[in-house]
């Protein structure tokens, strides 16, 4: 049995580049989304044996904190809109990379 090391390195490089691109564009998309004032509200979760359910009061408090942080932005509305559009473009690039990877696996 022989191993084609060049093919192995090509697959390794493609997987590494793909992972870096997906994670990088997702992180950039989240950063731009926060910059545009649309901060995703994610409540902290305690991992126990039971499922943690947030009360309406906790959800309201988190949304209020996000709205307060968004109102402090020094950006103009045009800059916020451009950041939001760029964030969505980053998320689309992530989705396309994942779909392309799945198609390579299925069709290849």
N, C-alpha and C. Protein backbone atom coordinates (compact mmCIF):
# COMPACT_ATOMS: atom_id res chain seq x y z
N UNK A 1 0.85 -1.17 0.00
CA UNK A 1 0.00 0.00 0.00
C UNK A 1 0.89 1.24 0.00
N UNK A 2 0.58 2.18 -0.87
CA UNK A 2 1.35 3.43 -0.94
C UNK A 2 0.42 4.59 -0.65
N UNK A 3 1.00 5.63 -0.11
CA UNK A 3 0.25 6.83 0.21
C UNK A 3 0.69 7.94 -0.72
N UNK A 4 -0.28 8.57 -1.36
CA UNK A 4 0.01 9.71 -2.23
C UNK A 4 0.09 10.95 -1.34
N UNK A 5 1.30 11.30 -0.92
CA UNK A 5 1.50 12.38 0.03
C UNK A 5 1.14 13.74 -0.56
N UNK A 6 1.32 13.91 -1.85
CA UNK A 6 0.96 15.19 -2.49
C UNK A 6 -0.55 15.40 -2.41
N UNK A 7 -1.32 14.35 -2.69
CA UNK A 7 -2.78 14.45 -2.60
C UNK A 7 -3.20 14.70 -1.15
N UNK A 8 -2.52 14.04 -0.21
CA UNK A 8 -2.82 14.26 1.21
C UNK A 8 -2.57 15.72 1.59
N UNK A 9 -1.47 16.28 1.15
CA UNK A 9 -1.15 17.68 1.46
C UNK A 9 -2.13 18.64 0.80
N UNK A 10 -2.60 18.29 -0.40
CA UNK A 10 -3.58 19.13 -1.08
C UNK A 10 -4.91 19.15 -0.31
N UNK A 11 -5.35 18.01 0.15
CA UNK A 11 -6.59 17.93 0.93
C UNK A 11 -6.42 18.67 2.26
N UNK A 12 -5.27 18.49 2.90
CA UNK A 12 -5.00 19.17 4.16
C UNK A 12 -5.02 20.69 3.97
N UNK A 13 -4.36 21.17 2.93
CA UNK A 13 -4.31 22.61 2.66
C UNK A 13 -5.70 23.16 2.34
N UNK A 14 -6.46 22.42 1.54
CA UNK A 14 -7.81 22.87 1.19
C UNK A 14 -8.70 22.93 2.43
N UNK A 15 -8.59 21.93 3.31
CA UNK A 15 -9.40 21.93 4.54
C UNK A 15 -8.99 23.07 5.46
N UNK A 16 -7.69 23.32 5.56
CA UNK A 16 -7.22 24.40 6.42
C UNK A 16 -7.66 25.77 5.90
N UNK A 17 -7.51 25.99 4.61
CA UNK A 17 -7.92 27.26 4.02
C UNK A 17 -9.44 27.43 4.13
N UNK A 18 -10.18 26.37 3.87
CA UNK A 18 -11.64 26.45 3.98
C UNK A 18 -12.09 26.78 5.40
N UNK A 19 -11.49 26.14 6.37
CA UNK A 19 -11.86 26.40 7.77
C UNK A 19 -11.52 27.83 8.18
N UNK A 20 -10.35 28.29 7.78
CA UNK A 20 -9.93 29.65 8.12
C UNK A 20 -10.86 30.67 7.45
N UNK A 21 -11.24 30.42 6.21
CA UNK A 21 -12.14 31.35 5.52
C UNK A 21 -13.52 31.39 6.16
N UNK A 22 -14.07 30.23 6.47
CA UNK A 22 -15.41 30.20 7.06
C UNK A 22 -15.41 30.88 8.42
N UNK A 23 -14.46 30.52 9.27
CA UNK A 23 -14.41 31.11 10.61
C UNK A 23 -14.09 32.61 10.53
N UNK A 24 -13.17 32.97 9.65
CA UNK A 24 -12.80 34.39 9.51
C UNK A 24 -13.94 35.25 9.02
N UNK A 25 -14.65 34.79 7.98
CA UNK A 25 -15.77 35.58 7.46
C UNK A 25 -16.93 35.61 8.44
N UNK A 26 -17.14 34.53 9.19
CA UNK A 26 -18.21 34.54 10.19
C UNK A 26 -17.89 35.53 11.30
N UNK A 27 -16.65 35.52 11.77
CA UNK A 27 -16.25 36.46 12.83
C UNK A 27 -16.34 37.91 12.34
N UNK A 28 -15.90 38.14 11.11
CA UNK A 28 -15.99 39.48 10.54
C UNK A 28 -17.45 39.90 10.38
N UNK A 29 -18.31 38.97 9.97
CA UNK A 29 -19.73 39.26 9.84
C UNK A 29 -20.35 39.63 11.18
N UNK A 30 -20.01 38.89 12.24
CA UNK A 30 -20.53 39.23 13.56
C UNK A 30 -20.03 40.60 14.01
N UNK A 31 -18.77 40.88 13.74
CA UNK A 31 -18.20 42.18 14.14
C UNK A 31 -18.91 43.32 13.41
N UNK A 32 -19.13 43.15 12.11
CA UNK A 32 -19.81 44.19 11.34
C UNK A 32 -21.28 44.32 11.76
N UNK A 33 -21.90 43.19 12.12
CA UNK A 33 -23.28 43.24 12.59
C UNK A 33 -23.37 44.02 13.90
N UNK A 34 -22.42 43.80 14.79
CA UNK A 34 -22.40 44.55 16.05
C UNK A 34 -22.12 46.02 15.79
N UNK A 35 -21.23 46.29 14.81
CA UNK A 35 -20.89 47.68 14.47
C UNK A 35 -22.10 48.43 13.91
N UNK A 36 -22.96 47.69 13.21
CA UNK A 36 -24.13 48.33 12.61
C UNK A 36 -25.23 48.60 13.64
N UNK A 37 -25.05 48.11 14.87
CA UNK A 37 -26.04 48.35 15.91
C UNK A 37 -27.03 47.23 16.08
N UNK A 38 -26.86 46.15 15.35
CA UNK A 38 -27.75 45.00 15.46
C UNK A 38 -27.03 43.89 16.21
N UNK A 39 -26.85 44.12 17.50
CA UNK A 39 -26.09 43.19 18.32
C UNK A 39 -26.94 41.96 18.60
N UNK A 40 -26.44 40.76 18.25
CA UNK A 40 -27.21 39.57 18.55
C UNK A 40 -27.29 39.36 20.07
N UNK A 41 -28.48 39.16 20.57
CA UNK A 41 -28.68 38.96 22.01
C UNK A 41 -28.56 37.46 22.29
N UNK A 42 -27.52 37.09 23.00
CA UNK A 42 -27.32 35.71 23.40
C UNK A 42 -27.14 35.71 24.90
N UNK A 43 -28.09 35.14 25.58
CA UNK A 43 -28.04 35.11 27.04
C UNK A 43 -27.06 34.04 27.49
N UNK A 44 -26.33 34.29 28.57
CA UNK A 44 -25.41 33.27 29.07
C UNK A 44 -26.19 32.05 29.59
N UNK A 45 -25.60 30.90 29.39
CA UNK A 45 -26.26 29.67 29.76
C UNK A 45 -25.37 28.91 30.73
N UNK A 46 -25.97 28.38 31.76
CA UNK A 46 -25.25 27.53 32.69
C UNK A 46 -25.51 26.08 32.28
N UNK A 47 -24.45 25.36 31.99
CA UNK A 47 -24.60 23.98 31.57
C UNK A 47 -24.68 23.07 32.79
N UNK A 48 -25.88 22.62 33.05
CA UNK A 48 -26.11 21.70 34.15
C UNK A 48 -26.82 20.48 33.57
N UNK A 49 -27.34 19.64 34.45
CA UNK A 49 -28.08 18.48 33.97
C UNK A 49 -29.46 18.84 33.44
N UNK A 50 -29.94 20.01 33.81
CA UNK A 50 -31.26 20.43 33.39
C UNK A 50 -31.14 21.52 32.32
N UNK A 51 -32.16 21.69 31.56
CA UNK A 51 -32.20 22.74 30.55
C UNK A 51 -32.50 24.06 31.25
N UNK A 52 -31.72 25.08 30.91
CA UNK A 52 -31.92 26.38 31.52
C UNK A 52 -32.92 27.17 30.67
N UNK A 53 -33.95 27.65 31.30
CA UNK A 53 -34.97 28.44 30.62
C UNK A 53 -34.87 29.86 31.13
N UNK A 54 -34.79 30.81 30.19
CA UNK A 54 -34.71 32.21 30.58
C UNK A 54 -36.11 32.75 30.85
N UNK A 55 -36.19 33.55 31.87
CA UNK A 55 -37.47 34.17 32.18
C UNK A 55 -37.68 35.35 31.24
N UNK A 56 -38.91 35.76 31.05
CA UNK A 56 -39.17 36.94 30.21
C UNK A 56 -38.44 38.18 30.72
N UNK A 57 -38.28 38.28 32.03
CA UNK A 57 -37.58 39.42 32.61
C UNK A 57 -36.10 39.42 32.20
N UNK A 58 -35.47 38.25 32.19
CA UNK A 58 -34.06 38.15 31.78
C UNK A 58 -33.91 38.48 30.30
N UNK A 59 -34.82 38.00 29.49
CA UNK A 59 -34.76 38.29 28.05
C UNK A 59 -34.94 39.78 27.81
N UNK A 60 -35.89 40.39 28.51
CA UNK A 60 -36.14 41.83 28.34
C UNK A 60 -34.91 42.64 28.75
N UNK A 61 -34.25 42.24 29.83
CA UNK A 61 -33.05 42.93 30.31
C UNK A 61 -31.92 42.84 29.27
N UNK A 62 -31.74 41.66 28.67
CA UNK A 62 -30.69 41.50 27.66
C UNK A 62 -31.00 42.33 26.41
N UNK A 63 -32.25 42.36 26.00
CA UNK A 63 -32.62 43.17 24.84
C UNK A 63 -32.45 44.66 25.13
N UNK A 64 -32.76 45.07 26.34
CA UNK A 64 -32.59 46.48 26.72
C UNK A 64 -31.11 46.87 26.71
N UNK A 65 -30.24 45.97 27.20
CA UNK A 65 -28.80 46.24 27.19
C UNK A 65 -28.28 46.33 25.76
N UNK A 66 -28.78 45.49 24.88
CA UNK A 66 -28.35 45.54 23.48
C UNK A 66 -28.82 46.83 22.81
N UNK A 67 -30.05 47.24 23.09
CA UNK A 67 -30.56 48.49 22.51
C UNK A 67 -29.78 49.69 23.03
N UNK A 68 -29.41 49.67 24.30
CA UNK A 68 -28.62 50.76 24.87
C UNK A 68 -27.25 50.83 24.22
N UNK A 69 -26.62 49.68 24.02
CA UNK A 69 -25.31 49.65 23.38
C UNK A 69 -25.40 50.13 21.92
N UNK A 70 -26.49 49.77 21.25
CA UNK A 70 -26.66 50.19 19.85
C UNK A 70 -26.89 51.69 19.75
N UNK A 71 -27.53 52.29 20.74
CA UNK A 71 -27.81 53.73 20.66
C UNK A 71 -26.56 54.58 20.91
N UNK A 72 -25.51 53.99 21.46
CA UNK A 72 -24.28 54.74 21.74
C UNK A 72 -23.35 54.83 20.53
N UNK A 73 -23.72 54.25 19.41
CA UNK A 73 -22.85 54.20 18.25
C UNK A 73 -22.64 55.59 17.64
N UNK A 74 -21.37 55.96 17.36
CA UNK A 74 -21.10 57.27 16.76
C UNK A 74 -21.24 57.26 15.23
N UNK A 75 -21.66 56.15 14.65
CA UNK A 75 -21.74 56.04 13.19
C UNK A 75 -23.01 56.69 12.66
N UNK A 76 -22.92 57.15 11.42
CA UNK A 76 -24.11 57.69 10.76
C UNK A 76 -24.98 56.51 10.31
N UNK A 77 -26.20 56.83 9.91
CA UNK A 77 -27.10 55.77 9.46
C UNK A 77 -26.56 55.09 8.20
N UNK A 78 -25.92 55.85 7.32
CA UNK A 78 -25.34 55.25 6.10
C UNK A 78 -24.22 54.28 6.45
N UNK A 79 -23.39 54.64 7.42
CA UNK A 79 -22.31 53.75 7.84
C UNK A 79 -22.87 52.49 8.50
N UNK A 80 -23.92 52.65 9.28
CA UNK A 80 -24.55 51.48 9.91
C UNK A 80 -25.14 50.56 8.85
N UNK A 81 -25.79 51.14 7.86
CA UNK A 81 -26.38 50.34 6.79
C UNK A 81 -25.30 49.62 5.99
N UNK A 82 -24.21 50.32 5.70
CA UNK A 82 -23.11 49.69 4.96
C UNK A 82 -22.50 48.54 5.77
N UNK A 83 -22.38 48.72 7.07
CA UNK A 83 -21.85 47.66 7.92
C UNK A 83 -22.79 46.46 7.94
N UNK A 84 -24.09 46.72 7.99
CA UNK A 84 -25.05 45.63 8.01
C UNK A 84 -25.02 44.85 6.69
N UNK A 85 -24.95 45.56 5.57
CA UNK A 85 -24.88 44.91 4.26
C UNK A 85 -23.59 44.09 4.15
N UNK A 86 -22.48 44.64 4.60
CA UNK A 86 -21.21 43.91 4.56
C UNK A 86 -21.26 42.68 5.47
N UNK A 87 -21.95 42.77 6.60
CA UNK A 87 -22.10 41.61 7.49
C UNK A 87 -22.87 40.50 6.79
N UNK A 88 -23.96 40.87 6.12
CA UNK A 88 -24.75 39.86 5.42
C UNK A 88 -23.95 39.25 4.27
N UNK A 89 -23.12 40.04 3.62
CA UNK A 89 -22.26 39.51 2.55
C UNK A 89 -21.28 38.48 3.14
N UNK A 90 -20.73 38.78 4.30
CA UNK A 90 -19.83 37.84 4.96
C UNK A 90 -20.55 36.54 5.29
N UNK A 91 -21.79 36.62 5.78
CA UNK A 91 -22.55 35.42 6.09
C UNK A 91 -22.87 34.62 4.83
N UNK A 92 -23.14 35.31 3.73
CA UNK A 92 -23.41 34.62 2.46
C UNK A 92 -22.15 33.91 1.98
N UNK A 93 -20.98 34.54 2.13
CA UNK A 93 -19.72 33.90 1.75
C UNK A 93 -19.52 32.63 2.57
N UNK A 94 -19.82 32.69 3.87
CA UNK A 94 -19.72 31.49 4.72
C UNK A 94 -20.65 30.39 4.22
N UNK A 95 -21.88 30.75 3.94
CA UNK A 95 -22.85 29.75 3.48
C UNK A 95 -22.41 29.14 2.15
N UNK A 96 -21.91 29.97 1.24
CA UNK A 96 -21.46 29.45 -0.05
C UNK A 96 -20.26 28.52 0.11
N UNK A 97 -19.36 28.84 1.03
CA UNK A 97 -18.21 27.97 1.27
C UNK A 97 -18.66 26.61 1.81
N UNK A 98 -19.62 26.62 2.71
CA UNK A 98 -20.13 25.36 3.26
C UNK A 98 -20.85 24.56 2.18
N UNK A 99 -21.68 25.21 1.38
CA UNK A 99 -22.39 24.52 0.29
C UNK A 99 -21.39 23.96 -0.73
N UNK A 100 -20.37 24.74 -1.05
CA UNK A 100 -19.36 24.26 -2.00
C UNK A 100 -18.64 23.03 -1.45
N UNK A 101 -18.33 23.04 -0.16
CA UNK A 101 -17.69 21.87 0.45
C UNK A 101 -18.58 20.64 0.42
N UNK A 102 -19.87 20.83 0.70
CA UNK A 102 -20.80 19.71 0.65
C UNK A 102 -20.93 19.18 -0.78
N UNK A 103 -21.00 20.08 -1.75
CA UNK A 103 -21.08 19.64 -3.14
C UNK A 103 -19.83 18.90 -3.58
N UNK A 104 -18.67 19.33 -3.11
CA UNK A 104 -17.43 18.60 -3.43
C UNK A 104 -17.46 17.19 -2.87
N UNK A 105 -18.02 17.04 -1.68
CA UNK A 105 -18.09 15.71 -1.07
C UNK A 105 -19.12 14.84 -1.81
N UNK A 106 -20.29 15.40 -2.07
CA UNK A 106 -21.36 14.62 -2.67
C UNK A 106 -21.08 14.30 -4.15
N UNK A 107 -20.64 15.28 -4.90
CA UNK A 107 -20.43 15.09 -6.34
C UNK A 107 -19.04 14.57 -6.70
N UNK A 108 -18.12 14.63 -5.75
CA UNK A 108 -16.74 14.25 -6.05
C UNK A 108 -16.41 12.82 -5.91
